[in-house]
Protein backbone atom coordinates (compact mmCIF):
# COMPACT_ATOMS: atom_id res chain seq x y z
CA UNK A 1 -40.30 140.22 28.99
CA UNK A 2 -43.26 141.34 31.42
CA UNK A 3 -42.88 144.07 34.07
CA UNK A 4 -45.51 143.52 37.28
CA UNK A 5 -48.59 144.48 36.33
CA UNK A 6 -48.31 144.25 32.87
CA UNK A 7 -49.03 141.28 30.62
CA UNK A 8 -46.37 139.57 28.40
CA UNK A 9 -46.14 141.13 24.80
CA UNK A 10 -48.48 138.49 22.40
CA UNK A 11 -46.81 136.75 19.54
CA UNK A 12 -48.49 135.46 16.53
CA UNK A 13 -46.82 132.54 14.91
CA UNK A 14 -48.50 132.05 11.66
CA UNK A 15 -46.90 128.61 9.60
CA UNK A 16 -48.44 125.30 8.36
CA UNK A 17 -44.86 123.46 9.59
CA UNK A 18 -46.88 122.28 12.83
CA UNK A 19 -43.65 120.50 14.37
CA UNK A 20 -41.50 124.39 13.64
CA UNK A 21 -44.52 126.10 15.17
CA UNK A 22 -45.08 124.13 18.10
CA UNK A 23 -41.12 124.61 18.98
CA UNK A 24 -41.64 128.22 18.12
CA UNK A 25 -44.10 128.61 21.07
CA UNK A 26 -42.13 126.80 23.22
CA UNK A 27 -38.89 129.27 22.67
CA UNK A 28 -40.28 131.74 22.64
CA UNK A 29 -42.93 131.46 25.80
CA UNK A 30 -39.77 130.23 27.61
CA UNK A 31 -38.29 133.74 26.75
CA UNK A 32 -41.29 135.27 28.42
CA UNK A 33 -43.69 135.96 25.30
CA UNK A 34 -47.53 134.51 25.36
CA UNK A 35 -47.48 133.10 22.19
CA UNK A 36 -50.47 132.19 20.02
CA UNK A 37 -49.63 129.57 16.80
CA UNK A 38 -51.82 129.41 13.69
CA UNK A 39 -51.67 126.89 10.77
CA UNK A 40 -52.59 128.88 8.33
CA UNK A 41 -53.91 132.88 8.03
CA UNK A 42 -58.17 131.81 7.64
CA UNK A 43 -58.79 132.85 11.21
CA UNK A 44 -56.31 135.84 11.63
CA UNK A 45 -58.75 138.65 11.61
CA UNK A 46 -60.46 136.48 14.38
CA UNK A 47 -57.30 136.53 16.34
CA UNK A 48 -56.67 140.46 15.29
CA UNK A 49 -60.22 141.22 16.23
CA UNK A 50 -60.39 139.55 20.03
CA UNK A 51 -56.62 139.67 21.09
CA UNK A 52 -54.21 141.18 18.80
CA UNK A 53 -51.26 140.56 19.13
CA UNK A 54 -48.01 143.12 18.98
CA UNK A 55 -46.10 141.33 16.16
CA UNK A 56 -46.55 138.45 13.75
CA UNK A 57 -44.41 135.99 12.73
CA UNK A 58 -45.34 134.61 9.00
CA UNK A 59 -44.19 131.85 7.12
CA UNK A 60 -43.80 133.39 3.11
CA UNK A 61 -45.18 129.39 1.76
CA UNK A 62 -48.52 128.24 3.39
CA UNK A 63 -51.80 126.79 1.69
CA UNK A 64 -55.35 128.80 0.62
CA UNK A 65 -52.99 132.60 1.60
CA UNK A 66 -49.10 132.45 1.33
CA UNK A 67 -47.69 134.75 3.14
CA UNK A 68 -46.98 137.65 1.22
CA UNK A 69 -50.50 137.81 -0.11
CA UNK A 70 -51.59 138.07 3.92
CA UNK A 71 -48.95 140.70 4.75
CA UNK A 72 -50.09 143.21 1.60
CA UNK A 73 -53.85 142.30 2.48
CA UNK A 74 -53.18 143.23 6.25
CA UNK A 75 -51.38 146.63 4.56
CA UNK A 76 -54.12 148.05 2.50
CA UNK A 77 -56.52 147.97 5.21
CA UNK A 78 -54.40 149.79 7.65
CA UNK A 79 -53.57 147.34 10.33
CA UNK A 80 -49.57 147.87 11.29
CA UNK A 81 -48.64 145.21 13.40
CA UNK A 82 -44.73 144.50 12.78
CA UNK A 83 -44.44 141.33 11.00
CA UNK A 84 -41.70 138.87 10.75
CA UNK A 85 -41.18 137.16 7.33
CA UNK A 86 -40.06 133.50 7.45
CA UNK A 87 -39.15 132.47 4.35
CA UNK A 88 -37.13 129.48 2.26
CA UNK A 89 -36.47 131.64 -1.14
CA UNK A 90 -32.42 133.05 -0.65
CA UNK A 91 -33.18 135.32 -3.45
CA UNK A 92 -32.16 138.82 -3.37
CA UNK A 93 -35.50 139.69 -5.42
CA UNK A 94 -37.49 137.89 -3.05
CA UNK A 95 -36.26 138.91 0.01
CA UNK A 96 -37.05 142.76 -0.84
CA UNK A 97 -40.95 141.62 -2.48
CA UNK A 98 -41.14 141.03 0.85
CA UNK A 99 -40.27 144.33 2.48
CA UNK A 100 -41.68 146.26 -0.41
CA UNK A 101 -45.03 143.43 0.33
CA UNK A 102 -45.06 145.40 3.70
CA UNK A 103 -43.06 143.31 6.34
CA UNK A 104 -40.53 144.87 8.48
CA UNK A 105 -37.92 141.66 8.28
CA UNK A 106 -37.64 138.75 7.11
CA UNK A 107 -35.65 135.46 8.29
CA UNK A 108 -34.36 132.91 6.14
CA UNK A 109 -34.99 129.14 6.67
CA UNK A 110 -33.24 127.69 8.33
CA UNK A 111 -32.68 130.35 11.19
CA UNK A 112 -31.20 129.70 14.68
CA UNK A 113 -34.32 130.59 16.50
CA UNK A 114 -31.61 133.45 19.14
CA UNK A 115 -31.68 135.44 16.03
CA UNK A 116 -35.61 134.97 15.36
CA UNK A 117 -35.91 136.13 18.91
CA UNK A 118 -33.47 138.77 18.49
CA UNK A 119 -34.98 140.22 16.08
CA UNK A 120 -38.61 140.22 17.56
CA UNK A 121 -36.67 142.24 19.86
CA UNK A 122 -35.82 145.08 18.22
CA UNK A 123 -38.65 145.74 16.41
CA UNK A 124 -40.35 145.57 19.56
CA UNK A 125 -38.69 148.25 21.35
CA UNK A 126 -38.51 150.35 17.69
CA UNK A 127 -42.84 149.96 17.78
CA UNK A 128 -42.34 150.93 21.87
CA UNK A 129 -44.44 147.85 22.21
CA UNK A 130 -42.06 145.47 24.80
CA UNK A 131 -43.99 147.26 27.83
CA UNK A 132 -47.02 148.23 26.78
CA UNK A 133 -48.58 151.30 27.68
CA UNK A 134 -45.58 152.59 28.72
CA UNK A 135 -44.78 156.65 27.48
CA UNK A 136 -43.50 157.87 24.61
CA UNK A 137 -41.02 160.80 24.49
CA UNK A 138 -42.38 163.58 24.11
CA UNK A 139 -40.62 164.92 21.25
CA UNK A 140 -42.37 168.05 19.19
CA UNK A 141 -44.02 167.95 16.07
CA UNK A 142 -41.71 167.79 12.78
CA UNK A 143 -43.24 169.31 9.58
CA UNK A 144 -42.10 169.22 6.31
CA UNK A 145 -43.99 169.66 2.83
CA UNK A 146 -47.81 169.14 3.44
CA UNK A 147 -46.09 165.75 6.49
CA UNK A 148 -46.49 166.29 10.03
CA UNK A 149 -44.33 163.96 11.82
CA UNK A 150 -45.55 163.14 15.13
CA UNK A 151 -42.64 161.52 16.78
CA UNK A 152 -44.65 160.63 20.41
CA UNK A 153 -47.81 159.47 19.19
CA UNK A 154 -45.99 157.48 16.25
CA UNK A 155 -48.26 159.06 13.51
CA UNK A 156 -47.28 161.07 10.17
CA UNK A 157 -49.51 162.95 8.82
CA UNK A 158 -50.22 164.48 4.97
CA UNK A 159 -52.80 166.76 4.07
CA UNK A 160 -54.36 166.78 7.55
CA UNK A 161 -54.80 162.72 6.05
CA UNK A 162 -53.59 159.88 8.70
CA UNK A 163 -50.32 157.88 6.45
CA UNK A 164 -50.67 154.71 7.65
CA UNK A 165 -46.12 153.37 8.24
CA UNK A 166 -45.24 150.23 9.54
CA UNK A 167 -43.24 149.80 12.21
CA UNK A 168 -39.97 149.97 10.28
CA UNK A 169 -40.80 152.97 8.20
CA UNK A 170 -41.13 155.05 10.83
CA UNK A 171 -37.73 153.97 12.46
CA UNK A 172 -36.27 154.69 9.02
CA UNK A 173 -38.59 158.99 8.52
CA UNK A 174 -37.36 158.86 12.74
CA UNK A 175 -33.18 158.82 11.85
CA UNK A 176 -33.64 160.99 8.28
CA UNK A 177 -36.19 163.52 10.27
CA UNK A 178 -34.59 164.12 13.09
CA UNK A 179 -31.27 164.36 11.41
CA UNK A 180 -31.73 167.06 9.13
CA UNK A 181 -29.52 168.25 6.16
CA UNK A 182 -27.19 165.77 7.94
CA UNK A 183 -25.73 163.36 5.32
CA UNK A 184 -25.74 159.97 6.40
CA UNK A 185 -25.10 156.17 5.33
CA UNK A 186 -26.50 153.32 4.30
CA UNK A 187 -24.69 151.66 7.37
CA UNK A 188 -25.48 154.69 9.87
CA UNK A 189 -29.30 154.43 8.67
CA UNK A 190 -29.57 150.22 9.44
CA UNK A 191 -27.25 150.59 12.88
CA UNK A 192 -30.01 153.22 14.29
CA UNK A 193 -33.58 152.23 12.41
CA UNK A 194 -33.10 149.15 12.57
CA UNK A 195 -30.03 148.36 14.98
CA UNK A 196 -27.84 146.17 12.90
CA UNK A 197 -25.00 146.74 10.77
CA UNK A 198 -25.56 147.37 6.77
CA UNK A 199 -24.90 144.23 4.46
CA UNK A 200 -23.89 145.41 0.57
CA UNK A 201 -26.12 142.80 -0.21
CA UNK A 202 -28.85 144.18 1.22
CA UNK A 203 -31.24 146.75 -0.17
CA UNK A 204 -33.61 147.01 2.31
CA UNK A 205 -32.65 150.30 3.52
CA UNK A 206 -32.98 151.38 -0.27
CA UNK A 207 -36.03 149.72 -0.30
CA UNK A 208 -37.66 151.06 3.22
CA UNK A 209 -36.78 154.73 1.33
CA UNK A 210 -38.35 154.45 -1.99
CA UNK A 211 -42.06 153.25 0.22
CA UNK A 212 -41.16 156.51 2.52
CA UNK A 213 -40.45 158.17 -1.30
CA UNK A 214 -44.01 157.12 -2.34
CA UNK A 215 -45.62 158.18 0.89
CA UNK A 216 -43.86 161.36 1.74
CA UNK A 217 -43.47 163.20 -1.92
CA UNK A 218 -45.53 164.83 -4.49
CA UNK A 219 -43.19 163.15 -7.46
CA UNK A 220 -41.22 160.32 -5.86
CA UNK A 221 -39.66 160.13 -9.10
CA UNK A 222 -38.34 163.51 -8.15
CA UNK A 223 -37.54 163.58 -4.00
CA UNK A 224 -37.23 166.84 -2.41
CA UNK A 225 -37.78 165.44 0.79
CA UNK A 226 -35.30 162.62 1.19
CA UNK A 227 -32.53 163.26 -1.35
CA UNK A 228 -29.86 160.83 -2.61
CA UNK A 229 -26.02 161.83 -2.31
CA UNK A 230 -24.51 160.41 -4.53
CA UNK A 231 -21.63 158.50 -2.74
CA UNK A 232 -22.43 158.83 0.74
CA UNK A 233 -26.04 157.68 0.94
CA UNK A 234 -29.64 160.21 2.02
CA UNK A 235 -30.33 163.44 3.38
CA UNK A 236 -33.30 164.46 5.01
CA UNK A 237 -34.25 167.92 3.82
CA UNK A 238 -37.57 169.31 5.54
CA UNK A 239 -37.36 172.14 3.41
CA UNK A 240 -35.88 172.58 0.52
CA UNK A 241 -34.41 174.83 -0.95
CA UNK A 242 -30.43 175.93 -3.09
CA UNK A 243 -28.89 176.69 0.64
CA UNK A 244 -30.61 173.74 2.28
CA UNK A 245 -28.88 171.70 0.55
CA UNK A 246 -25.52 170.05 2.19
CA UNK A 247 -23.50 170.08 -1.03
CA UNK A 248 -23.82 170.02 -4.79
CA UNK A 249 -23.29 166.14 -4.64
CA UNK A 250 -27.63 165.85 -3.98
CA UNK A 251 -29.66 164.20 -6.04
CA UNK A 252 -32.51 163.03 -6.52
CA UNK A 253 -33.26 159.58 -6.25
CA UNK A 254 -29.53 158.53 -8.33
CA UNK A 255 -28.24 155.85 -6.49
CA UNK A 256 -25.85 156.51 -3.91
């Protein structure tokens, strides 16, 4: 993962299972990462201030403060460090709760370390952090409604104010914004934004769409820019007009 003259990406693993944390530190260290481990979130603020990580692997069930609460606290403070949530919870609603709380990805316990490594690498690629300092494409900003999405700096502003986006939210919005007026299926959205096929039992695409609507739409219940296309998926409409819609099947927030 490291290149000449560049430090290895820094990962922060927070898990109260000392044995698991140690094994992950060794495995991810062998993969080329610099790894810091914490048994809980009490020292998180200090690490973020003095040695900020490129990505956090965060256990859900921990003493003092659970991972979901920590994730929400970070997002509310404006910290958009990519987060992979580890959880023994297998219920769909629990996974959705983790994503809705601001996590970029989740992985159920027990898990294969190779899968965790693959998810880490995918998130770092999307965040353009695998090679810190590397220039981003000089794409022209995309304006829609009160918003401006700058693909080069990975920033979104609304009414002149910066809107914080997680890595997963930026990846999803970028895919939508670079395919204007083109209906995209959940499977294509998942492949383009997350690098993996859509699972019919995985509602994370819909969760990310719902979160983006809350961030960019004047009325998320009646979206103008991210619209649902019945039976097909979603479509991004930069300047909603009757002629700009792909077909009469577009229906606000209705399930596709």
